[in-house]
Amino acid sequence: MARTLEQRIAETETRLTRLKAGRAGEARRTDTRRKILAGAVVLAHAGRDAEFGDRLRALLDSGLVAERDRTLFGLPPRPAD
């Protein structure tokens, strides 16, 4: 049975949507990998350079709000506002 033009268009649009979703997923994976690698380099440098480590800790202290994130870096809970 021959497919109608509308069916072919719908199938092509579905394929296009899947391809776009795959590209977005790849972009997220790439972004996550970049963050992990950058973080690893920064943490390694902080372990070798005490002054840099202190500056990083101050940045993390001012930038991290969620208690679980602060705990991950050994920071005390933020004072209540």
N, C-alpha and C. Protein backbone atom coordinates (compact mmCIF):
# COMPACT_ATOMS: atom_id res chain seq x y z
N MET A 1 0.85 -1.17 0.00
CA MET A 1 0.00 0.00 0.00
C MET A 1 0.90 1.24 0.00
N ALA A 2 0.63 2.14 -0.87
CA ALA A 2 1.42 3.36 -1.00
C ALA A 2 1.07 4.33 0.12
N ARG A 3 2.10 4.96 0.62
CA ARG A 3 1.88 5.95 1.66
C ARG A 3 1.44 7.27 1.02
N THR A 4 0.60 7.96 1.74
CA THR A 4 0.15 9.25 1.23
C THR A 4 1.24 10.28 1.49
N LEU A 5 1.12 11.38 0.80
CA LEU A 5 2.07 12.46 0.99
C LEU A 5 2.06 12.94 2.44
N GLU A 6 0.88 13.00 3.04
CA GLU A 6 0.77 13.43 4.43
C GLU A 6 1.49 12.47 5.37
N GLN A 7 1.38 11.17 5.09
CA GLN A 7 2.06 10.18 5.92
C GLN A 7 3.58 10.34 5.80
N ARG A 8 4.04 10.54 4.58
CA ARG A 8 5.48 10.71 4.36
C ARG A 8 5.99 11.97 5.05
N ILE A 9 5.22 13.05 4.99
CA ILE A 9 5.60 14.29 5.65
C ILE A 9 5.66 14.07 7.17
N ALA A 10 4.66 13.40 7.72
CA ALA A 10 4.62 13.14 9.16
C ALA A 10 5.82 12.29 9.59
N GLU A 11 6.15 11.28 8.82
CA GLU A 11 7.30 10.43 9.14
C GLU A 11 8.60 11.21 9.07
N THR A 12 8.73 12.07 8.09
CA THR A 12 9.93 12.89 7.95
C THR A 12 10.05 13.88 9.11
N GLU A 13 8.93 14.47 9.50
CA GLU A 13 8.94 15.39 10.63
C GLU A 13 9.32 14.67 11.92
N THR A 14 8.84 13.45 12.08
CA THR A 14 9.18 12.65 13.27
C THR A 14 10.68 12.36 13.29
N ARG A 15 11.23 11.98 12.14
CA ARG A 15 12.67 11.72 12.04
C ARG A 15 13.47 12.98 12.37
N LEU A 16 13.03 14.12 11.86
CA LEU A 16 13.71 15.38 12.12
C LEU A 16 13.69 15.72 13.61
N THR A 17 12.56 15.52 14.25
CA THR A 17 12.44 15.77 15.69
C THR A 17 13.41 14.90 16.47
N ARG A 18 13.51 13.63 16.09
CA ARG A 18 14.44 12.71 16.76
C ARG A 18 15.89 13.14 16.56
N LEU A 19 16.21 13.57 15.36
CA LEU A 19 17.58 14.02 15.08
C LEU A 19 17.93 15.26 15.91
N LYS A 20 16.99 16.20 16.01
CA LYS A 20 17.22 17.40 16.80
C LYS A 20 17.40 17.05 18.27
N ALA A 21 16.59 16.13 18.77
CA ALA A 21 16.70 15.71 20.17
C ALA A 21 18.06 15.05 20.41
N GLY A 22 18.51 14.26 19.47
CA GLY A 22 19.81 13.61 19.60
C GLY A 22 20.94 14.62 19.63
N ARG A 23 20.83 15.66 18.82
CA ARG A 23 21.85 16.71 18.81
C ARG A 23 21.86 17.47 20.13
N ALA A 24 20.68 17.75 20.67
CA ALA A 24 20.60 18.44 21.96
C ALA A 24 21.21 17.58 23.07
N GLY A 25 20.94 16.28 23.02
CA GLY A 25 21.52 15.37 24.01
C GLY A 25 23.03 15.34 23.92
N GLU A 26 23.55 15.35 22.72
CA GLU A 26 25.00 15.35 22.53
C GLU A 26 25.61 16.65 23.07
N ALA A 27 24.93 17.75 22.86
CA ALA A 27 25.42 19.04 23.38
C ALA A 27 25.46 19.02 24.90
N ARG A 28 24.44 18.44 25.53
CA ARG A 28 24.43 18.34 26.99
C ARG A 28 25.56 17.46 27.49
N ARG A 29 25.78 16.34 26.82
CA ARG A 29 26.86 15.44 27.22
C ARG A 29 28.22 16.13 27.08
N THR A 30 28.41 16.86 26.00
CA THR A 30 29.66 17.58 25.79
C THR A 30 29.86 18.64 26.86
N ASP A 31 28.80 19.38 27.19
CA ASP A 31 28.88 20.41 28.22
C ASP A 31 29.23 19.79 29.58
N THR A 32 28.60 18.69 29.90
CA THR A 32 28.88 18.00 31.16
C THR A 32 30.33 17.53 31.21
N ARG A 33 30.82 16.97 30.13
CA ARG A 33 32.21 16.50 30.08
C ARG A 33 33.18 17.66 30.28
N ARG A 34 32.91 18.79 29.62
CA ARG A 34 33.77 19.98 29.77
C ARG A 34 33.81 20.42 31.24
N LYS A 35 32.66 20.45 31.89
CA LYS A 35 32.59 20.88 33.29
C LYS A 35 33.35 19.93 34.20
N ILE A 36 33.22 18.65 33.95
CA ILE A 36 33.92 17.65 34.77
C ILE A 36 35.43 17.80 34.61
N LEU A 37 35.88 17.93 33.38
CA LEU A 37 37.32 18.06 33.15
C LEU A 37 37.87 19.36 33.72
N ALA A 38 37.17 20.46 33.51
CA ALA A 38 37.61 21.74 34.07
C ALA A 38 37.65 21.67 35.59
N GLY A 39 36.63 21.07 36.18
CA GLY A 39 36.58 20.93 37.63
C GLY A 39 37.74 20.09 38.15
N ALA A 40 38.07 19.03 37.45
CA ALA A 40 39.17 18.17 37.87
C ALA A 40 40.49 18.93 37.86
N VAL A 41 40.70 19.73 36.82
CA VAL A 41 41.94 20.51 36.73
C VAL A 41 41.99 21.55 37.85
N VAL A 42 40.87 22.23 38.08
CA VAL A 42 40.81 23.27 39.12
C VAL A 42 41.04 22.66 40.50
N LEU A 43 40.39 21.54 40.79
CA LEU A 43 40.56 20.91 42.09
C LEU A 43 41.99 20.39 42.29
N ALA A 44 42.59 19.87 41.23
CA ALA A 44 43.97 19.41 41.34
C ALA A 44 44.90 20.58 41.63
N HIS A 45 44.69 21.69 40.96
CA HIS A 45 45.52 22.87 41.19
C HIS A 45 45.31 23.40 42.61
N ALA A 46 44.07 23.39 43.08
CA ALA A 46 43.78 23.85 44.45
C ALA A 46 44.50 22.98 45.48
N GLY A 47 44.67 21.70 45.16
CA GLY A 47 45.39 20.81 46.07
C GLY A 47 46.88 21.07 46.11
N ARG A 48 47.42 21.70 45.05
CA ARG A 48 48.86 21.98 44.99
C ARG A 48 49.20 23.41 45.41
N ASP A 49 48.24 24.30 45.30
CA ASP A 49 48.49 25.72 45.56
C ASP A 49 47.52 26.21 46.64
N ALA A 50 48.01 26.41 47.85
CA ALA A 50 47.16 26.75 48.98
C ALA A 50 46.42 28.08 48.77
N GLU A 51 47.08 29.06 48.21
CA GLU A 51 46.43 30.35 47.97
C GLU A 51 45.27 30.20 46.99
N PHE A 52 45.51 29.47 45.93
CA PHE A 52 44.45 29.21 44.96
C PHE A 52 43.32 28.42 45.62
N GLY A 53 43.68 27.45 46.45
CA GLY A 53 42.67 26.66 47.15
C GLY A 53 41.79 27.52 48.05
N ASP A 54 42.41 28.49 48.73
CA ASP A 54 41.65 29.41 49.58
C ASP A 54 40.70 30.26 48.74
N ARG A 55 41.18 30.74 47.60
CA ARG A 55 40.33 31.56 46.72
C ARG A 55 39.17 30.73 46.16
N LEU A 56 39.47 29.49 45.80
CA LEU A 56 38.41 28.62 45.28
C LEU A 56 37.37 28.36 46.36
N ARG A 57 37.83 28.09 47.56
CA ARG A 57 36.90 27.84 48.67
C ARG A 57 36.01 29.06 48.90
N ALA A 58 36.58 30.26 48.84
CA ALA A 58 35.79 31.48 49.02
C ALA A 58 34.76 31.63 47.89
N LEU A 59 35.15 31.30 46.67
CA LEU A 59 34.20 31.35 45.55
C LEU A 59 33.07 30.35 45.73
N LEU A 60 33.43 29.16 46.14
CA LEU A 60 32.41 28.14 46.37
C LEU A 60 31.49 28.54 47.52
N ASP A 61 32.07 29.11 48.56
CA ASP A 61 31.29 29.53 49.71
C ASP A 61 30.26 30.60 49.32
N SER A 62 30.67 31.51 48.46
CA SER A 62 29.74 32.58 48.06
C SER A 62 28.77 32.13 46.97
N GLY A 63 29.15 31.13 46.21
CA GLY A 63 28.33 30.74 45.07
C GLY A 63 27.38 29.57 45.29
N LEU A 64 27.68 28.72 46.26
CA LEU A 64 26.84 27.55 46.48
C LEU A 64 25.80 27.84 47.56
N VAL A 65 24.55 27.57 47.22
CA VAL A 65 23.44 27.86 48.13
C VAL A 65 22.86 26.57 48.71
N ALA A 66 22.67 25.58 47.87
CA ALA A 66 22.03 24.34 48.30
C ALA A 66 22.90 23.61 49.33
N GLU A 67 22.28 23.16 50.39
CA GLU A 67 23.00 22.50 51.48
C GLU A 67 23.75 21.27 50.98
N ARG A 68 23.13 20.50 50.11
CA ARG A 68 23.81 19.28 49.62
C ARG A 68 25.05 19.63 48.79
N ASP A 69 25.02 20.76 48.06
CA ASP A 69 26.18 21.18 47.30
C ASP A 69 27.28 21.67 48.23
N ARG A 70 26.90 22.42 49.25
CA ARG A 70 27.87 22.93 50.22
C ARG A 70 28.53 21.78 50.98
N THR A 71 27.74 20.79 51.35
CA THR A 71 28.26 19.61 52.06
C THR A 71 29.28 18.88 51.20
N LEU A 72 29.03 18.81 49.92
CA LEU A 72 29.93 18.13 48.99
C LEU A 72 31.34 18.71 49.03
N PHE A 73 31.43 20.03 49.29
CA PHE A 73 32.72 20.69 49.34
C PHE A 73 33.17 21.00 50.77
N GLY A 74 32.50 20.42 51.76
CA GLY A 74 32.90 20.60 53.14
C GLY A 74 32.63 22.00 53.68
N LEU A 75 31.66 22.68 53.11
CA LEU A 75 31.32 24.04 53.55
C LEU A 75 30.20 23.97 54.59
N PRO A 76 30.23 24.87 55.55
CA PRO A 76 29.14 24.89 56.54
C PRO A 76 27.85 25.39 55.91
N PRO A 77 26.72 25.07 56.53
CA PRO A 77 25.44 25.58 56.01
C PRO A 77 25.45 27.10 56.00
N ARG A 78 24.73 27.68 55.06
CA ARG A 78 24.61 29.14 55.00
C ARG A 78 23.73 29.62 56.14
N PRO A 79 24.06 30.77 56.70
CA PRO A 79 23.21 31.31 57.76
C PRO A 79 21.83 31.65 57.20
N ALA A 80 20.81 31.52 58.04
CA ALA A 80 19.45 31.86 57.62
C ALA A 80 19.36 33.36 57.43
N ASP A 81 18.61 33.75 56.40
CA ASP A 81 18.45 35.19 56.12
C ASP A 81 17.46 35.83 57.05
